[in-house]
Amino acid sequence: MGVQARVHVIKSTEKKMDGGWTLCFQWCAYNYSDGGQQKGYRFIWRRPDGTLQGARGQARLPTMDLIHEMLEQAKREGWGYIGDAKDDY
């Protein structure tokens, strides 16, 4: 079995969608089973029951407008550029 990661969400913004699903844009710490750590952004879906749909690291993003809306929301909340600082990696 390869290296696995546990993900700790540091910041998140969410957008409720039709059918009870929620698209989340998140800043996360990835803690790897080999002792390594990285930080980075991800999009992930939350099911209507509140559980996350991991989908092997992929999330279907319906429109560019929605992507931009969520990125702008993260910037307004003050964490949209957090990954640009070298100390955050």
PDB file of N, CA and C in Angstrom:
ATOM      1  N   MET A   1       0.845  -1.182   0.000  1.00  0.00           N
ATOM      2  CA  MET A   1       0.000   0.000   0.000  1.00  0.00           C
ATOM      3  C   MET A   1       0.889   1.243   0.000  1.00  0.00           C
ATOM      4  N   GLY A   2       0.506   2.259  -0.737  1.00  0.00           N
ATOM      5  CA  GLY A   2       1.279   3.482  -0.859  1.00  0.00           C
ATOM      6  C   GLY A   2       1.082   4.424   0.312  1.00  0.00           C
ATOM      7  N   VAL A   3       1.663   5.591   0.193  1.00  0.00           N
ATOM      8  CA  VAL A   3       1.550   6.611   1.220  1.00  0.00           C
ATOM      9  C   VAL A   3       0.114   7.125   1.251  1.00  0.00           C
ATOM     10  N   GLN A   4      -0.436   7.250   2.452  1.00  0.00           N
ATOM     11  CA  GLN A   4      -1.789   7.764   2.619  1.00  0.00           C
ATOM     12  C   GLN A   4      -1.729   9.114   3.307  1.00  0.00           C
ATOM     13  N   ALA A   5      -2.803   9.902   3.168  1.00  0.00           N
ATOM     14  CA  ALA A   5      -2.844  11.227   3.781  1.00  0.00           C
ATOM     15  C   ALA A   5      -4.086  11.382   4.643  1.00  0.00           C
ATOM     16  N   ARG A   6      -3.892  12.057   5.756  1.00  0.00           N
ATOM     17  CA  ARG A   6      -5.011  12.526   6.561  1.00  0.00           C
ATOM     18  C   ARG A   6      -5.077  14.029   6.320  1.00  0.00           C
ATOM     19  N   VAL A   7      -6.270  14.532   6.097  1.00  0.00           N
ATOM     20  CA  VAL A   7      -6.443  15.929   5.731  1.00  0.00           C
ATOM     21  C   VAL A   7      -7.075  16.684   6.887  1.00  0.00           C
ATOM     22  N   HIS A   8      -6.442  17.800   7.263  1.00  0.00           N
ATOM     23  CA  HIS A   8      -6.970  18.688   8.294  1.00  0.00           C
ATOM     24  C   HIS A   8      -7.381  19.987   7.604  1.00  0.00           C
ATOM     25  N   VAL A   9      -8.661  20.318   7.649  1.00  0.00           N
ATOM     26  CA  VAL A   9      -9.171  21.543   7.027  1.00  0.00           C
ATOM     27  C   VAL A   9      -8.857  22.727   7.940  1.00  0.00           C
ATOM     28  N   ILE A  10      -8.160  23.718   7.396  1.00  0.00           N
ATOM     29  CA  ILE A  10      -7.791  24.910   8.153  1.00  0.00           C
ATOM     30  C   ILE A  10      -8.812  26.020   7.927  1.00  0.00           C
ATOM     31  N   LYS A  11      -9.189  26.256   6.676  1.00  0.00           N
ATOM     32  CA  LYS A  11     -10.178  27.272   6.301  1.00  0.00           C
ATOM     33  C   LYS A  11     -11.085  26.692   5.234  1.00  0.00           C
ATOM     34  N   SER A  12     -12.332  27.142   5.199  1.00  0.00           N
ATOM     35  CA  SER A  12     -13.272  26.617   4.212  1.00  0.00           C
ATOM     36  C   SER A  12     -14.346  27.646   3.899  1.00  0.00           C
ATOM     37  N   THR A  13     -14.766  27.661   2.654  1.00  0.00           N
ATOM     38  CA  THR A  13     -15.951  28.406   2.252  1.00  0.00           C
ATOM     39  C   THR A  13     -16.836  27.430   1.493  1.00  0.00           C
ATOM     40  N   GLU A  14     -18.152  27.597   1.616  1.00  0.00           N
ATOM     41  CA  GLU A  14     -19.080  26.615   1.061  1.00  0.00           C
ATOM     42  C   GLU A  14     -20.185  27.287   0.260  1.00  0.00           C
ATOM     43  N   LYS A  15     -20.691  26.546  -0.711  1.00  0.00           N
ATOM     44  CA  LYS A  15     -21.794  27.021  -1.555  1.00  0.00           C
ATOM     45  C   LYS A  15     -22.829  25.903  -1.652  1.00  0.00           C
ATOM     46  N   LYS A  16     -24.017  26.145  -1.104  1.00  0.00           N
ATOM     47  CA  LYS A  16     -25.111  25.167  -1.189  1.00  0.00           C
ATOM     48  C   LYS A  16     -25.614  25.099  -2.621  1.00  0.00           C
ATOM     49  N   MET A  17     -25.877  23.868  -3.063  1.00  0.00           N
ATOM     50  CA  MET A  17     -26.339  23.644  -4.424  1.00  0.00           C
ATOM     51  C   MET A  17     -27.686  22.923  -4.390  1.00  0.00           C
ATOM     52  N   ASP A  18     -28.308  22.810  -5.559  1.00  0.00           N
ATOM     53  CA  ASP A  18     -29.567  22.078  -5.672  1.00  0.00           C
ATOM     54  C   ASP A  18     -29.373  20.636  -5.216  1.00  0.00           C
ATOM     55  N   GLY A  19     -30.398  20.066  -4.646  1.00  0.00           N
ATOM     56  CA  GLY A  19     -30.354  18.671  -4.229  1.00  0.00           C
ATOM     57  C   GLY A  19     -29.681  18.452  -2.883  1.00  0.00           C
ATOM     58  N   GLY A  20     -29.337  19.525  -2.182  1.00  0.00           N
ATOM     59  CA  GLY A  20     -28.752  19.397  -0.862  1.00  0.00           C
ATOM     60  C   GLY A  20     -27.244  19.232  -0.822  1.00  0.00           C
ATOM     61  N   TRP A  21     -26.592  19.173  -1.983  1.00  0.00           N
ATOM     62  CA  TRP A  21     -25.141  19.045  -2.038  1.00  0.00           C
ATOM     63  C   TRP A  21     -24.495  20.410  -1.789  1.00  0.00           C
ATOM     64  N   THR A  22     -23.279  20.412  -1.249  1.00  0.00           N
ATOM     65  CA  THR A  22     -22.533  21.635  -0.963  1.00  0.00           C
ATOM     66  C   THR A  22     -21.135  21.508  -1.560  1.00  0.00           C
ATOM     67  N   LEU A  23     -20.716  22.510  -2.331  1.00  0.00           N
ATOM     68  CA  LEU A  23     -19.356  22.542  -2.844  1.00  0.00           C
ATOM     69  C   LEU A  23     -18.503  23.330  -1.856  1.00  0.00           C
ATOM     70  N   CYS A  24     -17.371  22.747  -1.440  1.00  0.00           N
ATOM     71  CA  CYS A  24     -16.475  23.376  -0.478  1.00  0.00           C
ATOM     72  C   CYS A  24     -15.145  23.703  -1.153  1.00  0.00           C
ATOM     73  N   PHE A  25     -14.622  24.890  -0.885  1.00  0.00           N
ATOM     74  CA  PHE A  25     -13.277  25.279  -1.287  1.00  0.00           C
ATOM     75  C   PHE A  25     -12.495  25.432   0.006  1.00  0.00           C
ATOM     76  N   GLN A  26     -11.375  24.708   0.134  1.00  0.00           N
ATOM     77  CA  GLN A  26     -10.704  24.607   1.416  1.00  0.00           C
ATOM     78  C   GLN A  26      -9.197  24.792   1.321  1.00  0.00           C
ATOM     79  N   TRP A  27      -8.619  25.325   2.400  1.00  0.00           N
ATOM     80  CA  TRP A  27      -7.173  25.370   2.614  1.00  0.00           C
ATOM     81  C   TRP A  27      -6.893  24.296   3.651  1.00  0.00           C
ATOM     82  N   CYS A  28      -6.015  23.336   3.323  1.00  0.00           N
ATOM     83  CA  CYS A  28      -5.837  22.142   4.146  1.00  0.00           C
ATOM     84  C   CYS A  28      -4.370  21.831   4.414  1.00  0.00           C
ATOM     85  N   ALA A  29      -4.152  21.106   5.506  1.00  0.00           N
ATOM     86  CA  ALA A  29      -2.861  20.481   5.781  1.00  0.00           C
ATOM     87  C   ALA A  29      -3.018  19.001   5.478  1.00  0.00           C
ATOM     88  N   TYR A  30      -2.127  18.478   4.655  1.00  0.00           N
ATOM     89  CA  TYR A  30      -2.111  17.063   4.297  1.00  0.00           C
ATOM     90  C   TYR A  30      -0.989  16.403   5.100  1.00  0.00           C
ATOM     91  N   ASN A  31      -1.347  15.519   6.034  1.00  0.00           N
ATOM     92  CA  ASN A  31      -0.384  14.817   6.871  1.00  0.00           C
ATOM     93  C   ASN A  31      -0.240  13.391   6.336  1.00  0.00           C
ATOM     94  N   TYR A  32       0.945  13.063   5.828  1.00  0.00           N
ATOM     95  CA  TYR A  32       1.172  11.796   5.152  1.00  0.00           C
ATOM     96  C   TYR A  32       1.673  10.714   6.110  1.00  0.00           C
ATOM     97  N   SER A  33       1.337   9.480   5.793  1.00  0.00           N
ATOM     98  CA  SER A  33       1.708   8.338   6.633  1.00  0.00           C
ATOM     99  C   SER A  33       3.224   8.137   6.710  1.00  0.00           C
ATOM    100  N   ASP A  34       3.985   8.731   5.784  1.00  0.00           N
ATOM    101  CA  ASP A  34       5.449   8.622   5.842  1.00  0.00           C
ATOM    102  C   ASP A  34       6.074   9.743   6.675  1.00  0.00           C
ATOM    103  N   GLY A  35       5.234  10.558   7.337  1.00  0.00           N
ATOM    104  CA  GLY A  35       5.714  11.639   8.191  1.00  0.00           C
ATOM    105  C   GLY A  35       5.775  12.991   7.512  1.00  0.00           C
ATOM    106  N   GLY A  36       5.579  13.048   6.208  1.00  0.00           N
ATOM    107  CA  GLY A  36       5.614  14.315   5.475  1.00  0.00           C
ATOM    108  C   GLY A  36       4.341  15.122   5.682  1.00  0.00           C
ATOM    109  N   GLN A  37       4.442  16.403   5.392  1.00  0.00           N
ATOM    110  CA  GLN A  37       3.270  17.279   5.443  1.00  0.00           C
ATOM    111  C   GLN A  37       3.359  18.309   4.325  1.00  0.00           C
ATOM    112  N   GLN A  38       2.216  18.586   3.724  1.00  0.00           N
ATOM    113  CA  GLN A  38       2.095  19.660   2.744  1.00  0.00           C
ATOM    114  C   GLN A  38       0.789  20.384   3.024  1.00  0.00           C
ATOM    115  N   LYS A  39       0.709  21.629   2.571  1.00  0.00           N
ATOM    116  CA  LYS A  39      -0.535  22.388   2.649  1.00  0.00           C
ATOM    117  C   LYS A  39      -0.957  22.748   1.242  1.00  0.00           C
ATOM    118  N   GLY A  40      -2.266  22.893   1.044  1.00  0.00           N
ATOM    119  CA  GLY A  40      -2.751  23.260  -0.272  1.00  0.00           C
ATOM    120  C   GLY A  40      -4.254  23.446  -0.288  1.00  0.00           C
ATOM    121  N   TYR A  41      -4.739  23.916  -1.429  1.00  0.00           N
ATOM    122  CA  TYR A  41      -6.163  24.148  -1.634  1.00  0.00           C
ATOM    123  C   TYR A  41      -6.820  22.918  -2.249  1.00  0.00           C
ATOM    124  N   ARG A  42      -8.121  22.777  -2.023  1.00  0.00           N
ATOM    125  CA  ARG A  42      -8.888  21.735  -2.698  1.00  0.00           C
ATOM    126  C   ARG A  42     -10.341  22.161  -2.797  1.00  0.00           C
ATOM    127  N   PHE A  43     -11.017  21.621  -3.815  1.00  0.00           N
ATOM    128  CA  PHE A  43     -12.471  21.648  -3.904  1.00  0.00           C
ATOM    129  C   PHE A  43     -12.932  20.247  -3.543  1.00  0.00           C
ATOM    130  N   ILE A  44     -14.011  20.143  -2.776  1.00  0.00           N
ATOM    131  CA  ILE A  44     -14.567  18.846  -2.418  1.00  0.00           C
ATOM    132  C   ILE A  44     -16.073  19.014  -2.202  1.00  0.00           C
ATOM    133  N   TRP A  45     -16.819  17.978  -2.530  1.00  0.00           N
ATOM    134  CA  TRP A  45     -18.275  18.002  -2.357  1.00  0.00           C
ATOM    135  C   TRP A  45     -18.665  17.423  -1.002  1.00  0.00           C
ATOM    136  N   ARG A  46     -19.671  18.053  -0.362  1.00  0.00           N
ATOM    137  CA  ARG A  46     -20.291  17.523   0.848  1.00  0.00           C
ATOM    138  C   ARG A  46     -21.678  17.017   0.459  1.00  0.00           C
ATOM    139  N   ARG A  47     -21.946  15.763   0.775  1.00  0.00           N
ATOM    140  CA  ARG A  47     -23.242  15.154   0.462  1.00  0.00           C
ATOM    141  C   ARG A  47     -24.352  15.760   1.332  1.00  0.00           C
ATOM    142  N   PRO A  48     -25.602  15.562   0.946  1.00  0.00           N
ATOM    143  CA  PRO A  48     -26.715  16.071   1.764  1.00  0.00           C
ATOM    144  C   PRO A  48     -26.699  15.554   3.208  1.00  0.00           C
ATOM    145  N   ASP A  49     -26.106  14.372   3.441  1.00  0.00           N
ATOM    146  CA  ASP A  49     -26.043  13.831   4.811  1.00  0.00           C
ATOM    147  C   ASP A  49     -24.867  14.390   5.611  1.00  0.00           C
ATOM    148  N   GLY A  50     -24.069  15.290   5.005  1.00  0.00           N
ATOM    149  CA  GLY A  50     -22.967  15.937   5.707  1.00  0.00           C
ATOM    150  C   GLY A  50     -21.612  15.278   5.535  1.00  0.00           C
ATOM    151  N   THR A  51     -21.553  14.092   4.924  1.00  0.00           N
ATOM    152  CA  THR A  51     -20.269  13.428   4.703  1.00  0.00           C
ATOM    153  C   THR A  51     -19.610  13.969   3.438  1.00  0.00           C
ATOM    154  N   LEU A  52     -18.293  13.856   3.383  1.00  0.00           N
ATOM    155  CA  LEU A  52     -17.542  14.331   2.223  1.00  0.00           C
ATOM    156  C   LEU A  52     -17.439  13.247   1.165  1.00  0.00           C
ATOM    157  N   GLN A  53     -17.436  13.663  -0.099  1.00  0.00           N
ATOM    158  CA  GLN A  53     -17.240  12.752  -1.217  1.00  0.00           C
ATOM    159  C   GLN A  53     -15.813  12.934  -1.713  1.00  0.00           C
ATOM    160  N   GLY A  54     -14.914  12.071  -1.259  1.00  0.00           N
ATOM    161  CA  GLY A  54     -13.494  12.187  -1.591  1.00  0.00           C
ATOM    162  C   GLY A  54     -13.185  12.046  -3.068  1.00  0.00           C
ATOM    163  N   ALA A  55     -13.817  11.134  -3.751  1.00  0.00           N
ATOM    164  CA  ALA A  55     -13.689  10.943  -5.207  1.00  0.00           C
ATOM    165  C   ALA A  55     -12.246  10.920  -5.685  1.00  0.00           C
ATOM    166  N   ARG A  56     -11.359  10.314  -4.909  1.00  0.00           N
ATOM    167  CA  ARG A  56      -9.948  10.166  -5.276  1.00  0.00           C
ATOM    168  C   ARG A  56      -9.300  11.480  -5.704  1.00  0.00           C
ATOM    169  N   GLY A  57      -9.586  12.532  -4.959  1.00  0.00           N
ATOM    170  CA  GLY A  57      -8.943  13.812  -5.194  1.00  0.00           C
ATOM    171  C   GLY A  57      -9.561  14.665  -6.283  1.00  0.00           C
ATOM    172  N   GLN A  58     -10.687  14.235  -6.836  1.00  0.00           N
ATOM    173  CA  GLN A  58     -11.304  15.007  -7.909  1.00  0.00           C
ATOM    174  C   GLN A  58     -12.689  15.478  -7.488  1.00  0.00           C
ATOM    175  N   ALA A  59     -13.012  16.686  -7.859  1.00  0.00           N
ATOM    176  CA  ALA A  59     -14.345  17.228  -7.621  1.00  0.00           C
ATOM    177  C   ALA A  59     -14.825  17.847  -8.933  1.00  0.00           C
ATOM    178  N   ARG A  60     -16.032  17.482  -9.358  1.00  0.00           N
ATOM    179  CA  ARG A  60     -16.610  18.073 -10.562  1.00  0.00           C
ATOM    180  C   ARG A  60     -16.997  19.512 -10.236  1.00  0.00           C
ATOM    181  N   LEU A  61     -16.496  20.445 -11.013  1.00  0.00           N
ATOM    182  CA  LEU A  61     -16.781  21.867 -10.819  1.00  0.00           C
ATOM    183  C   LEU A  61     -17.674  22.320 -11.959  1.00  0.00           C
ATOM    184  N   PRO A  62     -18.924  22.681 -11.664  1.00  0.00           N
ATOM    185  CA  PRO A  62     -19.906  22.887 -12.719  1.00  0.00           C
ATOM    186  C   PRO A  62     -19.663  24.087 -13.641  1.00  0.00           C
ATOM    187  N   THR A  63     -19.147  25.201 -13.104  1.00  0.00           N
ATOM    188  CA  THR A  63     -18.939  26.376 -13.966  1.00  0.00           C
ATOM    189  C   THR A  63     -17.727  27.168 -13.498  1.00  0.00           C
ATOM    190  N   MET A  64     -17.114  27.892 -14.423  1.00  0.00           N
ATOM    191  CA  MET A  64     -16.014  28.791 -14.069  1.00  0.00           C
ATOM    192  C   MET A  64     -16.518  29.927 -13.184  1.00  0.00           C
ATOM    193  N   ASP A  65     -17.750  30.385 -13.411  1.00  0.00           N
ATOM    194  CA  ASP A  65     -18.308  31.446 -12.574  1.00  0.00           C
ATOM    195  C   ASP A  65     -18.368  31.021 -11.112  1.00  0.00           C
ATOM    196  N   LEU A  66     -18.762  29.784 -10.858  1.00  0.00           N
ATOM    197  CA  LEU A  66     -18.828  29.290  -9.486  1.00  0.00           C
ATOM    198  C   LEU A  66     -17.431  29.203  -8.876  1.00  0.00           C
ATOM    199  N   ILE A  67     -16.466  28.750  -9.654  1.00  0.00           N
ATOM    200  CA  ILE A  67     -15.076  28.690  -9.173  1.00  0.00           C
ATOM    201  C   ILE A  67     -14.611  30.090  -8.776  1.00  0.00           C
ATOM    202  N   HIS A  68     -14.824  31.056  -9.645  1.00  0.00           N
ATOM    203  CA  HIS A  68     -14.409  32.432  -9.357  1.00  0.00           C
ATOM    204  C   HIS A  68     -15.143  32.987  -8.140  1.00  0.00           C
ATOM    205  N   GLU A  69     -16.421  32.698  -8.028  1.00  0.00           N
ATOM    206  CA  GLU A  69     -17.216  33.165  -6.879  1.00  0.00           C
ATOM    207  C   GLU A  69     -16.612  32.646  -5.568  1.00  0.00           C
ATOM    208  N   MET A  70     -16.249  31.370  -5.548  1.00  0.00           N
ATOM    209  CA  MET A  70     -15.709  30.790  -4.323  1.00  0.00           C
ATOM    210  C   MET A  70     -14.302  31.300  -4.017  1.00  0.00           C
ATOM    211  N   LEU A  71     -13.490  31.503  -5.045  1.00  0.00           N
ATOM    212  CA  LEU A  71     -12.159  32.071  -4.844  1.00  0.00           C
ATOM    213  C   LEU A  71     -12.259  33.490  -4.295  1.00  0.00           C
ATOM    214  N   GLU A  72     -13.163  34.273  -4.847  1.00  0.00           N
ATOM    215  CA  GLU A  72     -13.364  35.645  -4.369  1.00  0.00           C
ATOM    216  C   GLU A  72     -13.871  35.655  -2.929  1.00  0.00           C
ATOM    217  N   GLN A  73     -14.738  34.723  -2.570  1.00  0.00           N
ATOM    218  CA  GLN A  73     -15.226  34.629  -1.202  1.00  0.00           C
ATOM    219  C   GLN A  73     -14.069  34.336  -0.245  1.00  0.00           C
ATOM    220  N   ALA A  74     -13.183  33.422  -0.624  1.00  0.00           N
ATOM    221  CA  ALA A  74     -12.015  33.112   0.205  1.00  0.00           C
ATOM    222  C   ALA A  74     -11.133  34.348   0.371  1.00  0.00           C
ATOM    223  N   LYS A  75     -10.978  35.131  -0.686  1.00  0.00           N
ATOM    224  CA  LYS A  75     -10.183  36.359  -0.584  1.00  0.00           C
ATOM    225  C   LYS A  75     -10.852  37.356   0.361  1.00  0.00           C
ATOM    226  N   ARG A  76     -12.180  37.509   0.254  1.00  0.00           N
ATOM    227  CA  ARG A  76     -12.904  38.423   1.145  1.00  0.00           C
ATOM    228  C   ARG A  76     -12.781  37.987   2.608  1.00  0.00           C
ATOM    229  N   GLU A  77     -12.719  36.673   2.827  1.00  0.00           N
ATOM    230  CA  GLU A  77     -12.590  36.142   4.187  1.00  0.00           C
ATOM    231  C   GLU A  77     -11.154  36.209   4.698  1.00  0.00           C
ATOM    232  N   GLY A  78     -10.217  36.629   3.840  1.00  0.00           N
ATOM    233  CA  GLY A  78      -8.841  36.858   4.261  1.00  0.00           C
ATOM    234  C   GLY A  78      -7.890  35.677   4.136  1.00  0.00           C
ATOM    235  N   TRP A  79      -8.325  34.579   3.533  1.00  0.00           N
ATOM    236  CA  TRP A  79      -7.424  33.437   3.403  1.00  0.00           C
ATOM    237  C   TRP A  79      -7.209  33.000   1.959  1.00  0.00           C
ATOM    238  N   GLY A  80      -7.675  33.754   1.011  1.00  0.00           N
ATOM    239  CA  GLY A  80      -7.570  33.372  -0.393  1.00  0.00           C
ATOM    240  C   GLY A  80      -6.159  33.296  -0.944  1.00  0.00           C
ATOM    241  N   TYR A  81      -5.230  34.015  -0.335  1.00  0.00           N
ATOM    242  CA  TYR A  81      -3.841  33.995  -0.804  1.00  0.00           C
ATOM    243  C   TYR A  81      -2.904  33.371   0.219  1.00  0.00           C
ATOM    244  N   ILE A  82      -3.451  32.691   1.199  1.00  0.00           N
ATOM    245  CA  ILE A  82      -2.631  32.143   2.279  1.00  0.00           C
ATOM    246  C   ILE A  82      -1.530  31.228   1.760  1.00  0.00           C
ATOM    247  N   GLY A  83      -1.782  30.508   0.692  1.00  0.00           N
ATOM    248  CA  GLY A  83      -0.787  29.587   0.149  1.00  0.00           C
ATOM    249  C   GLY A  83       0.337  30.256  -0.608  1.00  0.00           C
ATOM    250  N   ASP A  84       0.245  31.570  -0.812  1.00  0.00           N
ATOM    251  CA  ASP A  84       1.299  32.273  -1.546  1.00  0.00           C
ATOM    252  C   ASP A  84       2.547  32.526  -0.698  1.00  0.00           C
ATOM    253  N   ALA A  85       2.423  32.452   0.634  1.00  0.00           N
ATOM    254  CA  ALA A  85       3.563  32.673   1.509  1.00  0.00           C
ATOM    255  C   ALA A  85       4.379  31.377   1.622  1.00  0.00           C
ATOM    256  N   LYS A  86       5.674  31.472   1.440  1.00  0.00           N
ATOM    257  CA  LYS A  86       6.531  30.270   1.478  1.00  0.00           C
ATOM    258  C   LYS A  86       6.394  29.527   2.812  1.00  0.00           C
ATOM    259  N   ASP A  87       6.145  30.244   3.909  1.00  0.00           N
ATOM    260  CA  ASP A  87       6.015  29.614   5.221  1.00  0.00           C
ATOM    261  C   ASP A  87       4.803  28.692   5.299  1.00  0.00           C
ATOM    262  N   ASP A  88       3.866  28.821   4.375  1.00  0.00           N
ATOM    263  CA  ASP A  88       2.652  28.021   4.414  1.00  0.00           C
ATOM    264  C   ASP A  88       2.806  26.668   3.739  1.00  0.00           C
ATOM    265  N   TYR A  89       3.970  26.359   3.177  1.00  0.00           N
ATOM    266  CA  TYR A  89       4.156  25.079   2.509  1.00  0.00           C
ATOM    267  C   TYR A  89       4.852  24.088   3.377  1.00  0.00           C
TER     268      TYR A  89
END
